Amino acid sequence: MNRKFLYTDVGDTLIKLRYSVSEMYAEVLEEHGILKNTKPDDLHRHFKLAWREVSSNLPQDYVDRYCAHPKGHTGWWRDLIDSFLFRLAGTKIDSEEIYEYIFAKFDDPNNWVVDPTFYDLLTFLKQNQIGLGIISNWDLRLRALLTNMNLIQHFEHVIVSAEFGYEKPSPRIFEEAVRLTGISPESHFYVGDKLEYDYYPPEKMGWTSFWISKEERSGVRRVECLGDLVKYLT
């Protein structure tokens, strides 16, 4: 029997923050006595604008943004935080201590939750001898986070963009996934929350893709949680 292999995205697929990124930033700012009266909607809007700004000049050919930054992943995140704080305050804020607090928030496994249906999926995959791996656009801290969440041991292959050098939707990262398993592209499945990164690129390469979302989209295979995949992987 031809072996099958499922790769999954991480952020907003396997794990999610307990509360939004902008809320997490707001908590840190309040702890430092900065911008106490800022409305949540303003925080969210300014964060999106800051993300768009630092993502507007990404390297060509989907070279990983963290690898390409002259100061690595910490430099990229610092640029984002600086842009975000400047938009909020209208002036430059001394943010060295804030960086460390924000990094610590994202590194804390208690601030993340696992899709509660993941373990049902894991049982199914083991019973049916289907392999499991990760392909994620993430910085160099992902392995430590997954280890601290007691998750990493469940995955045969873990491909992190900051380690590999290319990020989704580059075909190179999916080609690497196929190389690691040694089986045909048609025997691979992928699930993630972003159509442009997680669904269409592997689908074009012969994989079977799934979009994890509450939203309907014509012509797209959709699941609402990881556990729903058991209906499609037999």
Protein backbone atom coordinates (compact mmCIF):
# COMPACT_ATOMS: atom_id res chain seq x y z
CA MET A 1 0.00 0.00 0.00
CA ASN A 2 1.30 3.44 -0.97
CA ARG A 3 2.10 5.44 2.16
CA LYS A 4 0.26 8.70 2.79
CA PHE A 5 1.60 11.75 4.58
CA LEU A 6 -0.10 14.78 6.10
CA TYR A 7 1.69 18.07 6.67
CA THR A 8 0.05 20.81 8.70
CA ASP A 9 0.55 24.54 9.15
CA VAL A 10 1.14 25.75 12.73
CA GLY A 11 -0.21 29.24 13.47
CA ASP A 12 -4.04 29.37 13.49
CA THR A 13 -4.13 25.74 12.38
CA LEU A 14 -2.39 23.51 14.91
CA ILE A 15 -2.13 26.18 17.63
CA LYS A 16 -3.70 29.58 18.25
CA LEU A 17 -3.01 32.44 20.62
CA ARG A 18 -5.37 32.58 23.58
CA TYR A 19 -6.13 36.16 22.61
CA SER A 20 -5.33 38.36 19.61
CA VAL A 21 -1.88 39.69 18.78
CA SER A 22 -3.04 43.28 19.27
CA GLU A 23 -4.51 42.39 22.67
CA MET A 24 -1.23 40.78 23.67
CA TYR A 25 0.67 43.89 22.62
CA ALA A 26 -1.84 46.04 24.52
CA GLU A 27 -1.24 44.03 27.67
CA VAL A 28 2.52 44.64 27.44
CA LEU A 29 2.03 48.35 26.78
CA GLU A 30 -0.28 48.69 29.77
CA GLU A 31 2.26 46.90 31.96
CA HIS A 32 4.78 49.56 30.92
CA GLY A 33 2.39 52.46 31.45
CA ILE A 34 2.21 53.29 27.74
CA LEU A 35 -0.94 54.29 25.87
CA LYS A 36 -3.37 53.23 28.59
CA ASN A 37 -6.41 54.73 26.89
CA THR A 38 -5.85 53.37 23.40
CA LYS A 39 -8.92 51.64 21.97
CA PRO A 40 -8.61 47.97 20.95
CA ASP A 41 -9.78 48.77 17.41
CA ASP A 42 -6.98 51.33 17.07
CA LEU A 43 -4.43 48.81 18.29
CA HIS A 44 -5.62 46.25 15.77
CA ARG A 45 -5.64 48.76 12.91
CA HIS A 46 -2.17 50.10 13.67
CA PHE A 47 -0.76 46.60 14.03
CA LYS A 48 -2.13 45.59 10.62
CA LEU A 49 -0.62 48.74 9.06
CA ALA A 50 2.74 48.08 10.71
CA TRP A 51 2.71 44.47 9.49
CA ARG A 52 1.89 45.66 5.98
CA GLU A 53 4.74 48.18 6.12
CA VAL A 54 7.46 45.75 7.18
CA SER A 55 6.14 43.13 4.75
CA SER A 56 6.11 45.54 1.80
CA ASN A 57 9.75 44.96 0.88
CA LEU A 58 10.21 41.24 1.34
CA PRO A 59 13.04 39.45 -0.50
CA GLN A 60 12.40 38.02 -3.95
CA ASP A 61 11.52 34.40 -4.72
CA TYR A 62 10.05 33.93 -1.23
CA VAL A 63 13.41 33.86 0.51
CA ASP A 64 12.54 33.68 4.20
CA ARG A 65 12.11 37.17 5.68
CA TYR A 66 13.89 36.28 8.93
CA CYS A 67 16.90 34.81 7.13
CA ALA A 68 17.13 37.82 4.84
CA HIS A 69 17.03 40.43 7.58
CA PRO A 70 20.55 41.64 8.47
CA LYS A 71 19.76 41.17 12.17
CA GLY A 72 17.84 37.91 11.81
CA HIS A 73 14.39 37.19 13.18
CA THR A 74 14.84 39.47 16.20
CA GLY A 75 15.68 42.35 13.87
CA TRP A 76 12.58 41.73 11.76
CA TRP A 77 10.30 41.66 14.80
CA ARG A 78 11.95 44.77 16.23
CA ASP A 79 11.24 46.63 12.98
CA LEU A 80 7.60 45.57 13.28
CA ILE A 81 7.32 46.64 16.92
CA ASP A 82 9.02 49.98 16.20
CA SER A 83 6.58 50.70 13.36
CA PHE A 84 3.62 49.67 15.50
CA LEU A 85 4.63 51.84 18.46
CA PHE A 86 5.43 54.82 16.26
CA ARG A 87 1.98 54.64 14.67
CA LEU A 88 0.34 54.48 18.08
CA ALA A 89 2.33 57.23 19.76
CA GLY A 90 3.20 59.47 16.83
CA THR A 91 6.78 59.52 18.05
CA LYS A 92 9.63 57.07 18.61
CA ILE A 93 9.35 55.14 21.88
CA ASP A 94 12.32 53.65 23.72
CA SER A 95 11.24 50.05 23.24
CA GLU A 96 14.21 47.87 24.24
CA GLU A 97 12.48 46.49 27.32
CA ILE A 98 9.18 46.15 25.46
CA TYR A 99 10.86 43.88 22.87
CA GLU A 100 11.87 41.43 25.54
CA TYR A 101 8.44 41.36 27.14
CA ILE A 102 6.71 40.79 23.80
CA PHE A 103 9.14 38.04 22.80
CA ALA A 104 8.55 36.36 26.15
CA LYS A 105 4.78 36.50 25.65
CA PHE A 106 5.02 34.69 22.33
CA ASP A 107 7.50 32.15 23.70
CA ASP A 108 5.27 31.26 26.65
CA PRO A 109 3.41 28.01 25.89
CA ASN A 110 0.65 29.08 28.26
CA ASN A 111 -0.34 31.80 25.80
CA TRP A 112 -1.11 29.23 23.11
CA VAL A 113 -3.82 26.59 22.78
CA VAL A 114 -3.79 23.43 20.67
CA ASP A 115 -6.70 22.60 18.40
CA PRO A 116 -8.62 20.29 20.78
CA THR A 117 -9.38 17.86 17.95
CA PHE A 118 -5.70 17.40 17.09
CA TYR A 119 -5.35 14.37 19.35
CA ASP A 120 -8.31 12.63 17.70
CA LEU A 121 -6.59 13.22 14.36
CA LEU A 122 -3.31 11.92 15.77
CA THR A 123 -4.95 8.68 16.91
CA PHE A 124 -6.52 8.23 13.47
CA LEU A 125 -3.23 8.84 11.67
CA LYS A 126 -1.40 6.29 13.81
CA GLN A 127 -4.13 3.69 13.33
CA ASN A 128 -3.97 4.16 9.55
CA GLN A 129 -0.17 4.48 9.34
CA ILE A 130 -0.36 7.98 7.84
CA GLY A 131 2.70 10.13 8.49
CA LEU A 132 2.54 13.57 10.06
CA GLY A 133 4.73 16.62 9.63
CA ILE A 134 4.84 20.42 9.81
CA ILE A 135 5.52 23.11 7.22
CA SER A 136 5.45 26.55 8.83
CA ASN A 137 6.42 30.12 8.10
CA TRP A 138 7.95 30.86 11.51
CA ASP A 139 11.14 32.15 13.05
CA LEU A 140 13.84 30.17 14.84
CA ARG A 141 11.83 29.88 18.05
CA LEU A 142 9.22 27.43 16.76
CA ARG A 143 10.92 24.17 17.75
CA ALA A 144 11.37 25.37 21.33
CA LEU A 145 7.73 26.43 21.52
CA LEU A 146 6.47 23.09 20.17
CA THR A 147 8.78 21.27 22.57
CA ASN A 148 7.50 23.28 25.53
CA MET A 149 3.92 22.55 24.43
CA ASN A 150 4.71 18.81 24.37
CA LEU A 151 3.89 18.60 20.64
CA ILE A 152 7.06 18.21 18.63
CA GLN A 153 7.47 14.49 19.29
CA HIS A 154 4.29 13.79 17.32
CA PHE A 155 5.80 15.01 14.02
CA GLU A 156 8.11 13.00 11.81
CA HIS A 157 9.33 16.02 9.81
CA VAL A 158 9.32 19.68 10.89
CA ILE A 159 10.13 22.27 8.23
CA VAL A 160 10.49 25.82 9.57
CA SER A 161 10.95 28.58 6.99
CA ALA A 162 13.62 30.39 9.02
CA GLU A 163 15.69 27.18 9.14
CA PHE A 164 15.04 26.13 5.55
CA GLY A 165 15.61 29.56 3.98
CA TYR A 166 12.38 29.84 1.98
CA GLU A 167 8.84 30.50 3.11
CA LYS A 168 5.44 29.55 1.78
CA PRO A 169 4.17 29.90 -0.92
CA SER A 170 7.56 29.00 -2.42
CA PRO A 171 7.37 25.62 -4.17
CA ARG A 172 10.82 24.88 -2.73
CA ILE A 173 9.47 24.34 0.76
CA PHE A 174 6.89 21.82 -0.50
CA GLU A 175 9.51 20.12 -2.66
CA GLU A 176 11.64 19.73 0.46
CA ALA A 177 8.68 18.14 2.23
CA VAL A 178 8.35 15.57 -0.58
CA ARG A 179 12.09 14.92 -0.52
CA LEU A 180 11.96 14.15 3.20
CA THR A 181 9.13 11.63 2.90
CA GLY A 182 10.42 10.01 -0.27
CA ILE A 183 6.91 9.37 -1.59
CA SER A 184 4.99 10.83 -4.52
CA PRO A 185 3.41 14.32 -4.32
CA GLU A 186 0.01 12.73 -4.93
CA SER A 187 0.34 10.89 -1.60
CA HIS A 188 0.69 14.15 0.34
CA PHE A 189 -1.96 16.20 2.13
CA TYR A 190 -1.67 19.70 3.52
CA VAL A 191 -3.90 21.74 5.80
CA GLY A 192 -3.62 25.42 6.71
CA ASP A 193 -5.61 28.58 7.26
CA LYS A 194 -4.40 30.74 4.32
CA LEU A 195 -5.52 29.93 0.80
CA GLU A 196 -2.64 31.76 -0.89
CA TYR A 197 0.03 30.06 1.25
CA ASP A 198 -1.45 26.76 2.36
CA TYR A 199 -4.03 25.66 -0.18
CA TYR A 200 -3.21 26.63 -3.76
CA PRO A 201 0.61 26.14 -3.79
CA PRO A 202 0.65 22.46 -2.74
CA GLU A 203 -2.51 21.79 -4.75
CA LYS A 204 -0.67 22.94 -7.91
CA MET A 205 2.07 20.44 -7.12
CA GLY A 206 -0.27 17.46 -7.02
CA TRP A 207 -1.01 17.43 -3.29
CA THR A 208 -4.50 17.32 -1.78
CA SER A 209 -5.04 20.53 0.16
CA PHE A 210 -7.49 21.51 2.88
CA TRP A 211 -8.41 24.97 4.06
CA ILE A 212 -9.15 25.26 7.78
CA SER A 213 -11.78 27.97 8.14
CA LYS A 214 -15.31 28.75 9.29
CA GLU A 215 -15.91 30.49 5.97
CA GLU A 216 -17.32 28.76 2.91
CA ARG A 217 -15.50 29.09 -0.43
CA SER A 218 -16.70 27.53 -3.66
CA GLY A 219 -14.40 24.87 -5.08
CA VAL A 220 -12.21 24.66 -1.97
CA ARG A 221 -11.91 21.65 0.33
CA ARG A 222 -12.69 23.04 3.76
CA VAL A 223 -12.51 21.74 7.32
CA GLU A 224 -13.39 23.61 10.48
CA CYS A 225 -10.88 21.82 12.69
CA LEU A 226 -8.09 19.29 12.34
CA GLY A 227 -10.30 16.47 13.54
CA ASP A 228 -12.52 16.91 10.48
CA LEU A 229 -9.69 15.55 8.33
CA VAL A 230 -10.41 11.98 9.40
CA LYS A 231 -13.38 12.01 7.00
CA TYR A 232 -11.11 12.65 4.01
CA LEU A 233 -7.86 10.78 4.63
CA THR A 234 -9.09 7.20 4.33
